[in-house]
Amino acid sequence: MGVPQVVIVGRPNVGKSSVFNWLAGRRIAIVDPTSGVTRDRVTHLVEVQGRFVELVDTGGMGIQDSDNLTEHIEHQIQLAVDSADVILLVVDTREGLTPLDEEVGHRLRYVTAPVLCLANKTDHEQLDPQADEFYRLGRKVLRVSAKHNLGKEELIEAIQERLPAASDQEQIREPLMKVAIVGRRNTGKSTLVNTLVKAERMITSEVPGTTRDSVDVRFELDGQAFLAIDTPGFRRQKSISTDVDFYSSHRAQRSIRRADVVLLFFDAGQRISKVDKQLCDYIAQQYKPCIFAVNKWDLLAGSMPTEKWVTYLRDTFRSMWYVPIAFITGRTGKNVKALLNHAQMLFKQSRSRIGTGQLNRLLRAALERNPPPLCRNRRARIYYATQVASQPPTIVLFCSSPTAISQQYQRYLLGVFRDHLEFSEVPIKLYLRKRERSDQRDEVDAKLNE
């Protein structure tokens, strides 16, 4: 028996995602008055009375999706209901009982999991009689308000009472690595997630923008737990025309910040776009280990050598020349395991720490081979270096004049570190600091001036 699942269902626009965020204690699912914003199952792990449960947000039952994805959305809802240990049926007190609420209630009539009816938006006592109307659905009704934080303790207690008995097999393993899968629309990100979990976890279609929210999906590889973060397809800023587009882009950016490694997806049959460049810039700004994943390679295999795409990527992203490149087919899983193994290597590199002695011996050799250039007829002195952090590896150089060390010379030093240390394929943060007068350490220059 795995972690118990608490599934949130209901018709569109009753506040399911608001309830999900309320119980999760943070904004995870997109909340917007537009019907049909939630399409895929959005999950989050929470603790209920000392026990972990998985919250699951679902799309609105009975909606006719504007992109003809109704069948896919309904399939995702049914998968969630079938796996639920407790179901929260959310209704809207202010709008009252609707025919669609009754239809949803009818669909849940024969489920085996206990069902709680949450009369959401019951913001004050005067609305209690309207909330009581939902007893007609044949379920216990709890009056709550996600917006005003009302009824939460009673709800948590009711969930806890209805959870199945705890099992010894109910163990939560922290994921070894969090991998964000990003890219512009229709590059096959959700297809890869489904391949990883070996199930229809995400809706996939040719409709641009099918995925609207970032979705965490746990999976296992070689006995280790991992977390894949599927993200909405990025769009150009001027193409963001709705609140949903705005929140989708911000969720995707947040997923990059949360990730240990980022897989930047490209469609093998499409040219690199301005969106890809903007996305690559953002990954670089966050100093995230990254792999360029050229997806759908099966469509071009035999007609284009990989070297051509490698050259294309290197010429386009010159500042990220160290980023590894993978050619995969997410639909069939070809080369996917090798991709994840490489991602683990990057994760390990980003967490490496180098001793000060080893770092300064390397720095000394780099300075002897190529001293800092003159600045205003004076040559800046670099006294010593130390690694102060990992993820990303962060190195501080103590010198006589930080402003005198040019960007070009900093790139030279970064190249030396990357070539000779354990950071060959990950970004490195480099800081320059002026050495304080009280600091007498002179490990590098002392040797140079002997």
Protein backbone atom coordinates (compact mmCIF):
# COMPACT_ATOMS: atom_id res chain seq x y z
CA MET A 1 0.00 0.00 0.00
CA GLY A 2 1.38 3.38 -1.02
CA VAL A 3 0.74 6.87 0.32
CA PRO A 4 -3.02 7.49 0.71
CA GLN A 5 -4.53 9.85 -1.85
CA VAL A 6 -7.07 12.58 -1.09
CA VAL A 7 -8.67 13.53 -4.42
CA ILE A 8 -10.49 16.83 -4.97
CA VAL A 9 -13.31 16.75 -7.54
CA GLY A 10 -16.28 18.85 -8.60
CA ARG A 11 -17.76 20.81 -11.44
CA PRO A 12 -15.80 23.77 -12.90
CA ASN A 13 -15.30 26.98 -10.92
CA VAL A 14 -16.33 25.80 -7.46
CA GLY A 15 -12.86 26.46 -6.01
CA LYS A 16 -11.18 23.04 -6.24
CA SER A 17 -7.74 24.51 -6.89
CA SER A 18 -8.27 27.06 -4.11
CA VAL A 19 -9.07 24.22 -1.69
CA PHE A 20 -6.01 22.33 -2.96
CA ASN A 21 -3.70 25.31 -2.35
CA TRP A 22 -5.38 25.98 1.01
CA LEU A 23 -4.73 22.46 2.26
CA ALA A 24 -1.23 22.41 0.77
CA GLY A 25 -0.39 25.67 2.53
CA ARG A 26 1.06 27.26 -0.60
CA ARG A 27 0.08 28.33 -4.10
CA ILE A 28 0.69 25.35 -6.32
CA ALA A 29 -2.30 25.01 -8.66
CA ILE A 30 -3.33 27.94 -10.86
CA VAL A 31 -6.48 29.67 -9.57
CA ASP A 32 -8.39 31.61 -12.22
CA PRO A 33 -12.07 32.32 -12.95
CA THR A 34 -11.60 30.84 -16.43
CA SER A 35 -13.30 27.45 -16.66
CA GLY A 36 -11.11 24.46 -17.44
CA VAL A 37 -7.76 25.86 -16.25
CA THR A 38 -6.82 22.59 -14.51
CA ARG A 39 -6.44 19.72 -16.96
CA ASP A 40 -3.86 17.31 -15.59
CA ARG A 41 -3.78 15.86 -12.10
CA VAL A 42 -1.78 18.18 -9.83
CA THR A 43 -0.37 16.52 -6.71
CA HIS A 44 1.30 17.63 -3.49
CA LEU A 45 2.44 15.76 -0.39
CA VAL A 46 1.02 17.06 2.92
CA GLU A 47 1.01 15.85 6.50
CA VAL A 48 -2.33 15.10 8.17
CA GLN A 49 -2.19 14.43 11.90
CA GLY A 50 1.36 13.09 11.67
CA ARG A 51 0.68 11.03 8.55
CA PHE A 52 1.62 11.82 4.95
CA VAL A 53 -1.09 11.93 2.29
CA GLU A 54 -1.02 12.98 -1.34
CA LEU A 55 -3.44 15.73 -2.33
CA VAL A 56 -4.69 15.46 -5.91
CA ASP A 57 -6.35 18.34 -7.77
CA THR A 58 -8.40 17.48 -10.87
CA GLY A 59 -10.10 19.21 -13.77
CA GLY A 60 -13.74 20.26 -13.66
CA MET A 61 -16.22 17.45 -14.26
CA GLY A 62 -18.63 18.03 -17.11
CA ILE A 63 -16.70 20.82 -18.83
CA GLN A 64 -16.52 21.07 -22.60
CA ASP A 65 -12.89 21.94 -23.17
CA SER A 66 -12.22 24.69 -25.70
CA ASP A 67 -9.37 22.66 -27.25
CA ASN A 68 -11.42 19.46 -27.59
CA LEU A 69 -9.54 17.78 -24.75
CA THR A 70 -12.68 16.90 -22.77
CA GLU A 71 -12.19 13.16 -23.17
CA HIS A 72 -8.58 13.38 -21.97
CA ILE A 73 -9.51 15.53 -18.96
CA GLU A 74 -12.34 13.17 -17.98
CA HIS A 75 -9.95 10.21 -18.26
CA GLN A 76 -7.51 11.90 -15.87
CA ILE A 77 -10.35 12.61 -13.41
CA GLN A 78 -11.48 8.99 -13.53
CA LEU A 79 -7.95 7.72 -12.92
CA ALA A 80 -7.75 9.97 -9.85
CA VAL A 81 -11.15 8.82 -8.52
CA ASP A 82 -10.25 5.17 -9.05
CA SER A 83 -7.06 5.53 -6.98
CA ALA A 84 -8.57 7.74 -4.24
CA ASP A 85 -8.65 6.79 -0.57
CA VAL A 86 -10.75 9.84 0.33
CA ILE A 87 -12.68 12.07 -2.10
CA LEU A 88 -13.48 15.73 -1.45
CA LEU A 89 -16.49 16.81 -3.51
CA VAL A 90 -16.29 20.60 -3.73
CA VAL A 91 -19.46 22.65 -4.33
CA ASP A 92 -20.20 26.39 -4.35
CA THR A 93 -22.47 27.61 -1.54
CA ARG A 94 -23.07 30.98 -3.16
CA GLU A 95 -24.31 29.47 -6.43
CA GLY A 96 -26.26 26.72 -4.71
CA LEU A 97 -27.01 23.21 -5.92
CA THR A 98 -26.87 22.97 -9.72
CA PRO A 99 -27.82 20.15 -12.11
CA LEU A 100 -24.12 19.62 -12.81
CA ASP A 101 -23.45 19.21 -9.07
CA GLU A 102 -26.11 16.52 -9.02
CA GLU A 103 -24.52 14.85 -12.04
CA VAL A 104 -21.13 14.83 -10.30
CA GLY A 105 -22.78 13.41 -7.18
CA HIS A 106 -24.36 10.68 -9.27
CA ARG A 107 -20.99 9.75 -10.77
CA LEU A 108 -19.59 9.30 -7.26
CA ARG A 109 -22.52 7.23 -6.02
CA TYR A 110 -20.84 3.88 -6.53
CA VAL A 111 -17.24 4.67 -5.59
CA THR A 112 -15.85 2.69 -2.68
CA ALA A 113 -13.78 5.54 -1.19
CA PRO A 114 -15.49 7.76 1.43
CA VAL A 115 -16.74 11.07 0.02
CA LEU A 116 -16.89 14.39 1.90
CA CYS A 117 -18.90 17.25 0.45
CA LEU A 118 -17.19 20.61 0.95
CA ALA A 119 -19.57 23.56 0.73
CA ASN A 120 -16.91 26.05 -0.29
CA LYS A 121 -17.35 29.84 -0.16
CA THR A 122 -19.47 29.57 3.01
CA ASP A 123 -17.94 32.81 4.20
CA HIS A 124 -20.36 33.62 7.04
CA GLU A 125 -23.16 32.08 9.10
CA GLN A 126 -25.92 33.63 6.99
CA LEU A 127 -24.91 31.23 4.18
CA ASP A 128 -25.28 28.09 6.34
CA PRO A 129 -28.86 27.36 5.15
CA GLN A 130 -27.64 27.48 1.53
CA ALA A 131 -24.82 25.08 2.40
CA ASP A 132 -27.28 22.65 3.97
CA GLU A 133 -28.96 22.31 0.58
CA PHE A 134 -26.09 20.07 -0.50
CA TYR A 135 -27.20 17.32 1.91
CA ARG A 136 -29.43 16.33 -1.01
CA LEU A 137 -26.32 14.79 -2.57
CA GLY A 138 -26.36 12.19 0.20
CA ARG A 139 -22.96 13.07 1.66
CA LYS A 140 -21.71 14.62 4.88
CA VAL A 141 -21.43 18.37 4.25
CA LEU A 142 -18.65 20.48 5.73
CA ARG A 143 -18.99 24.26 5.54
CA VAL A 144 -15.62 25.74 4.54
CA SER A 145 -14.11 28.80 2.94
CA ALA A 146 -10.69 28.40 1.37
CA LYS A 147 -10.49 32.15 0.79
CA HIS A 148 -11.23 33.08 4.41
CA ASN A 149 -9.57 30.04 6.05
CA LEU A 150 -12.76 28.76 7.66
CA GLY A 151 -13.43 25.14 8.63
CA LYS A 152 -9.93 23.83 8.01
CA GLU A 153 -9.45 22.05 11.35
CA GLU A 154 -12.76 20.25 11.04
CA LEU A 155 -11.90 19.22 7.48
CA ILE A 156 -8.46 17.88 8.45
CA GLU A 157 -10.03 15.87 11.25
CA ALA A 158 -12.70 14.46 8.92
CA ILE A 159 -10.04 13.43 6.38
CA GLN A 160 -7.95 11.78 9.08
CA GLU A 161 -10.94 9.76 10.34
CA ARG A 162 -11.63 8.40 6.84
CA LEU A 163 -8.09 7.45 5.84
CA PRO A 164 -7.38 3.71 5.62
CA ALA A 165 -5.39 2.12 8.42
CA ALA A 166 -1.68 2.89 8.24
CA SER A 167 0.56 0.24 6.70
CA ASP A 168 4.19 -0.64 7.36
CA GLN A 169 4.78 -0.24 3.61
CA GLU A 170 3.65 3.39 3.74
CA GLN A 171 7.06 4.98 3.40
CA ILE A 172 7.95 8.36 1.97
CA ARG A 173 11.30 8.42 0.27
CA GLU A 174 12.68 11.81 -0.53
CA PRO A 175 13.45 12.01 -4.24
CA LEU A 176 17.13 11.63 -5.02
CA MET A 177 16.89 14.36 -7.66
CA LYS A 178 14.31 16.83 -8.98
CA VAL A 179 14.32 17.15 -12.77
CA ALA A 180 12.44 19.98 -14.50
CA ILE A 181 11.43 19.28 -18.10
CA VAL A 182 11.07 22.57 -19.94
CA GLY A 183 10.78 23.83 -23.48
CA ARG A 184 8.43 25.59 -25.81
CA ARG A 185 5.06 24.12 -26.73
CA ASN A 186 4.70 20.68 -28.32
CA THR A 187 8.26 19.48 -27.81
CA GLY A 188 7.11 16.26 -26.09
CA LYS A 189 7.65 17.10 -22.41
CA SER A 190 4.48 15.41 -21.12
CA THR A 191 5.09 12.39 -23.33
CA LEU A 192 8.44 11.87 -21.62
CA VAL A 193 6.80 12.05 -18.18
CA ASN A 194 4.29 9.36 -19.18
CA THR A 195 7.17 7.21 -20.41
CA LEU A 196 9.03 7.64 -17.12
CA VAL A 197 6.07 6.62 -14.96
CA LYS A 198 4.86 4.01 -17.48
CA ALA A 199 1.31 5.38 -17.26
CA GLU A 200 -0.96 8.05 -18.74
CA ARG A 201 -0.03 10.53 -16.05
CA MET A 202 -0.16 13.63 -18.24
CA ILE A 203 -2.51 14.63 -21.06
CA THR A 204 -0.67 14.63 -24.37
CA SER A 205 -2.01 16.06 -27.62
CA GLU A 206 -1.02 18.11 -30.63
CA VAL A 207 -2.90 21.11 -29.18
CA PRO A 208 -0.39 23.83 -28.19
CA GLY A 209 -0.59 24.65 -24.49
CA THR A 210 -2.21 21.38 -23.41
CA THR A 211 -0.26 21.48 -20.12
CA ARG A 212 -1.15 24.63 -18.19
CA ASP A 213 0.39 24.01 -14.78
CA SER A 214 3.63 22.59 -13.44
CA VAL A 215 3.01 19.05 -12.26
CA ASP A 216 5.24 17.01 -9.92
CA VAL A 217 5.38 13.32 -10.80
CA ARG A 218 7.35 10.78 -8.76
CA PHE A 219 8.98 7.83 -10.51
CA GLU A 220 11.63 5.22 -9.82
CA LEU A 221 14.74 4.27 -11.73
CA ASP A 222 17.06 1.46 -10.64
CA GLY A 223 15.43 1.42 -7.20
CA GLN A 224 15.91 5.16 -6.61
CA ALA A 225 13.09 7.71 -6.25
CA PHE A 226 13.09 10.77 -8.51
CA LEU A 227 10.78 13.70 -9.13
CA ALA A 228 9.96 14.84 -12.66
CA ILE A 229 8.46 18.32 -12.96
CA ASP A 230 6.41 18.68 -16.13
CA THR A 231 5.98 22.31 -17.12
CA PRO A 232 3.78 24.35 -19.47
CA GLY A 233 5.30 25.25 -22.80
CA PHE A 234 7.04 28.62 -22.74
CA ARG A 235 5.70 31.46 -24.86
CA ARG A 236 7.13 34.79 -25.95
CA GLN A 237 6.25 37.59 -23.55
CA LYS A 238 4.24 39.46 -26.16
CA SER A 239 2.21 36.29 -26.84
CA ILE A 240 1.00 36.07 -23.21
CA SER A 241 -2.56 37.35 -23.56
CA THR A 242 -4.46 35.80 -20.61
CA ASP A 243 -3.99 35.33 -16.88
CA VAL A 244 -3.70 31.59 -17.46
CA ASP A 245 -0.76 32.12 -19.85
CA PHE A 246 0.84 34.48 -17.32
CA TYR A 247 0.55 32.04 -14.40
CA SER A 248 1.66 29.12 -16.58
CA SER A 249 4.89 30.93 -17.49
CA HIS A 250 5.58 31.84 -13.88
CA ARG A 251 4.94 28.27 -12.71
CA ALA A 252 7.40 27.02 -15.31
CA GLN A 253 10.03 29.50 -14.13
CA ARG A 254 9.44 28.46 -10.53
CA SER A 255 9.93 24.83 -11.56
CA ILE A 256 13.36 25.70 -12.96
CA ARG A 257 14.29 27.36 -9.68
CA ARG A 258 13.14 24.28 -7.71
CA ALA A 259 14.95 21.77 -9.90
CA ASP A 260 18.32 20.13 -9.33
CA VAL A 261 18.77 19.54 -13.08
CA VAL A 262 16.89 21.03 -16.05
CA LEU A 263 16.18 19.17 -19.29
CA LEU A 264 15.69 21.77 -22.02
CA PHE A 265 13.64 20.14 -24.79
CA PHE A 266 13.96 20.86 -28.50
CA ASP A 267 11.88 19.39 -31.30
CA ALA A 268 14.26 17.72 -33.75
CA GLY A 269 12.04 18.82 -36.64
CA GLN A 270 11.85 22.51 -35.64
CA ARG A 271 14.31 25.36 -35.74
CA ILE A 272 15.52 26.96 -32.52
CA SER A 273 13.26 29.90 -31.69
CA LYS A 274 13.53 33.12 -29.72
CA VAL A 275 11.56 31.41 -26.94
CA ASP A 276 14.26 28.73 -26.68
CA LYS A 277 16.90 31.44 -26.32
CA GLN A 278 14.92 33.27 -23.63
CA LEU A 279 14.43 30.02 -21.77
CA CYS A 280 18.11 29.15 -22.01
CA ASP A 281 19.01 32.59 -20.66
CA TYR A 282 16.72 32.06 -17.67
CA ILE A 283 18.26 28.65 -16.90
CA ALA A 284 21.72 30.24 -17.06
CA GLN A 285 20.64 33.09 -14.76
CA GLN A 286 19.55 30.50 -12.18
CA TYR A 287 22.86 28.60 -12.48
CA LYS A 288 21.05 25.30 -13.03
CA PRO A 289 22.77 22.20 -14.45
CA CYS A 290 21.18 21.61 -17.84
CA ILE A 291 21.03 19.06 -20.64
CA PHE A 292 19.91 20.01 -24.16
CA ALA A 293 17.51 17.20 -25.09
CA VAL A 294 16.73 16.94 -28.81
CA ASN A 295 13.44 15.02 -28.77
CA LYS A 296 11.57 13.13 -31.52
CA TRP A 297 14.89 12.06 -33.00
CA ASP A 298 13.27 8.96 -34.49
CA LEU A 299 11.62 11.23 -37.08
CA LEU A 300 15.03 12.35 -38.39
CA ALA A 301 17.24 9.34 -37.72
CA GLY A 302 19.09 8.44 -40.90
CA SER A 303 18.28 11.71 -42.65
CA MET A 304 20.37 14.07 -40.49
CA PRO A 305 23.61 13.39 -38.61
CA THR A 306 23.65 14.26 -34.92
CA GLU A 307 26.77 16.34 -35.54
CA LYS A 308 24.70 18.84 -37.50
CA TRP A 309 22.33 19.46 -34.57
CA VAL A 310 25.28 19.60 -32.15
CA THR A 311 26.93 22.30 -34.26
CA TYR A 312 23.60 24.13 -34.54
CA LEU A 313 23.17 24.16 -30.74
CA ARG A 314 26.77 25.13 -30.04
CA ASP A 315 26.63 28.01 -32.52
CA THR A 316 23.32 29.24 -31.08
CA PHE A 317 24.19 28.98 -27.38
CA ARG A 318 27.87 29.91 -27.35
CA SER A 319 27.94 30.86 -23.66
CA MET A 320 26.67 27.38 -22.71
CA TRP A 321 29.24 25.38 -24.65
CA TYR A 322 29.74 23.05 -21.67
CA VAL A 323 26.10 21.84 -21.60
CA PRO A 324 25.79 18.16 -22.68
CA ILE A 325 23.46 17.23 -25.56
CA ALA A 326 21.21 14.17 -25.76
CA PHE A 327 19.19 12.79 -28.67
CA ILE A 328 16.10 10.95 -27.46
CA THR A 329 12.65 9.72 -28.40
CA GLY A 330 10.40 10.35 -25.41
CA ARG A 331 7.48 8.43 -26.90
CA THR A 332 9.37 5.13 -27.12
CA GLY A 333 11.86 5.74 -24.34
CA LYS A 334 14.90 5.48 -26.60
CA ASN A 335 18.01 6.89 -24.87
CA VAL A 336 15.85 8.15 -21.96
CA LYS A 337 17.63 6.07 -19.32
CA ALA A 338 21.00 7.33 -20.56
CA LEU A 339 19.62 10.88 -20.36
CA LEU A 340 18.60 10.42 -16.71
CA ASN A 341 21.92 8.77 -15.85
CA HIS A 342 23.69 11.80 -17.28
CA ALA A 343 21.38 14.08 -15.30
CA GLN A 344 22.48 12.26 -12.14
CA MET A 345 26.12 12.89 -13.10
CA LEU A 346 25.39 16.62 -13.38
CA PHE A 347 23.60 16.56 -10.04
CA LYS A 348 26.65 14.95 -8.46
CA GLN A 349 28.97 17.52 -10.09
CA SER A 350 26.87 20.41 -8.80
CA ARG A 351 27.18 19.09 -5.23
CA SER A 352 30.95 18.51 -5.36
CA ARG A 353 33.28 20.42 -3.07
CA ILE A 354 36.95 21.04 -3.78
CA GLY A 355 39.60 21.48 -1.10
CA THR A 356 41.21 24.92 -0.82
CA GLY A 357 44.68 23.49 -1.41
CA GLN A 358 43.73 21.76 -4.66
CA LEU A 359 41.85 24.84 -5.86
CA ASN A 360 44.76 27.18 -5.19
CA ARG A 361 47.32 24.92 -6.83
CA LEU A 362 45.18 24.99 -9.95
CA LEU A 363 44.72 28.77 -9.68
CA ARG A 364 48.48 29.26 -9.28
CA ALA A 365 49.15 27.28 -12.46
CA ALA A 366 46.52 29.28 -14.34
CA LEU A 367 48.04 32.58 -13.22
CA GLU A 368 51.57 31.48 -14.19
CA ARG A 369 50.38 30.44 -17.63
CA ASN A 370 48.29 33.54 -18.22
CA PRO A 371 48.57 36.42 -15.70
CA PRO A 372 45.72 38.95 -15.36
CA PRO A 373 45.97 41.72 -17.99
CA LEU A 374 47.12 45.21 -17.09
CA CYS A 375 44.47 47.65 -15.96
CA ARG A 376 45.54 51.32 -15.91
CA ASN A 377 49.17 50.22 -16.11
CA ARG A 378 48.79 48.02 -13.06
CA ARG A 379 48.28 44.28 -12.83
CA ALA A 380 45.69 43.10 -10.33
CA ARG A 381 46.85 40.49 -7.87
CA ILE A 382 44.79 37.40 -7.06
CA TYR A 383 45.79 36.19 -3.61
CA TYR A 384 43.80 32.99 -3.14
CA ALA A 385 40.53 31.21 -3.88
CA THR A 386 38.05 29.18 -1.87
CA GLN A 387 34.84 27.31 -2.60
CA VAL A 388 32.12 28.65 -0.32
CA ALA A 389 29.06 26.70 -1.51
CA SER A 390 27.71 24.01 -3.81
CA GLN A 391 24.56 23.73 -5.98
CA PRO A 392 25.87 25.68 -7.80
CA PRO A 393 29.59 25.40 -7.07
CA THR A 394 30.53 28.88 -5.83
CA ILE A 395 34.14 30.08 -5.82
CA VAL A 396 35.39 33.33 -4.32
CA LEU A 397 38.63 34.94 -5.52
CA PHE A 398 40.29 37.35 -3.11
CA CYS A 399 42.24 39.96 -5.01
CA SER A 400 43.74 43.44 -4.79
CA SER A 401 41.18 45.08 -7.10
CA PRO A 402 38.06 43.17 -8.19
CA THR A 403 37.18 45.77 -10.83
CA ALA A 404 40.52 45.25 -12.54
CA ILE A 405 39.75 41.59 -13.36
CA SER A 406 38.02 41.68 -16.74
CA GLN A 407 35.07 39.51 -17.74
CA GLN A 408 37.26 37.88 -20.38
CA TYR A 409 39.82 36.88 -17.76
CA GLN A 410 37.08 35.56 -15.48
CA ARG A 411 35.85 33.37 -18.34
CA TYR A 412 39.40 32.10 -18.74
CA LEU A 413 39.57 31.09 -15.07
CA LEU A 414 36.15 29.46 -15.22
CA GLY A 415 37.34 27.44 -18.21
CA VAL A 416 40.39 26.30 -16.26
CA PHE A 417 38.26 25.26 -13.28
CA ARG A 418 35.83 23.43 -15.53
CA ASP A 419 38.63 21.62 -17.39
CA HIS A 420 40.47 20.40 -14.29
CA LEU A 421 37.90 20.10 -11.50
CA GLU A 422 34.71 18.09 -11.05
CA PHE A 423 32.54 20.86 -12.52
CA SER A 424 33.07 20.11 -16.21
CA GLU A 425 29.40 20.26 -17.27
CA VAL A 426 27.71 22.49 -14.70
CA PRO A 427 27.56 26.26 -14.19
CA ILE A 428 29.98 27.81 -11.70
CA LYS A 429 29.40 31.00 -9.75
CA LEU A 430 32.49 33.17 -9.47
CA TYR A 431 32.74 36.08 -7.05
CA LEU A 432 35.60 38.58 -6.73
CA ARG A 433 36.28 40.17 -3.37
CA LYS A 434 38.88 42.65 -2.23
CA ARG A 435 41.18 41.14 0.37
CA GLU A 436 40.91 42.82 3.76
CA ARG A 437 44.06 44.30 5.25
CA SER A 438 43.75 41.98 8.23
CA ASP A 439 43.76 38.94 5.92
CA GLN A 440 47.36 37.83 5.59
CA ARG A 441 46.68 34.75 3.47
CA ASP A 442 48.70 34.98 0.26
CA GLU A 443 48.75 31.38 -0.89
CA VAL A 444 48.95 32.02 -4.63
CA ASP A 445 50.98 35.19 -5.03
CA ALA A 446 53.54 34.13 -2.45
CA LYS A 447 54.49 31.19 -4.67
CA LEU A 448 54.46 33.31 -7.80
CA ASN A 449 56.87 35.84 -6.30
CA GLU A 450 59.34 33.28 -4.91
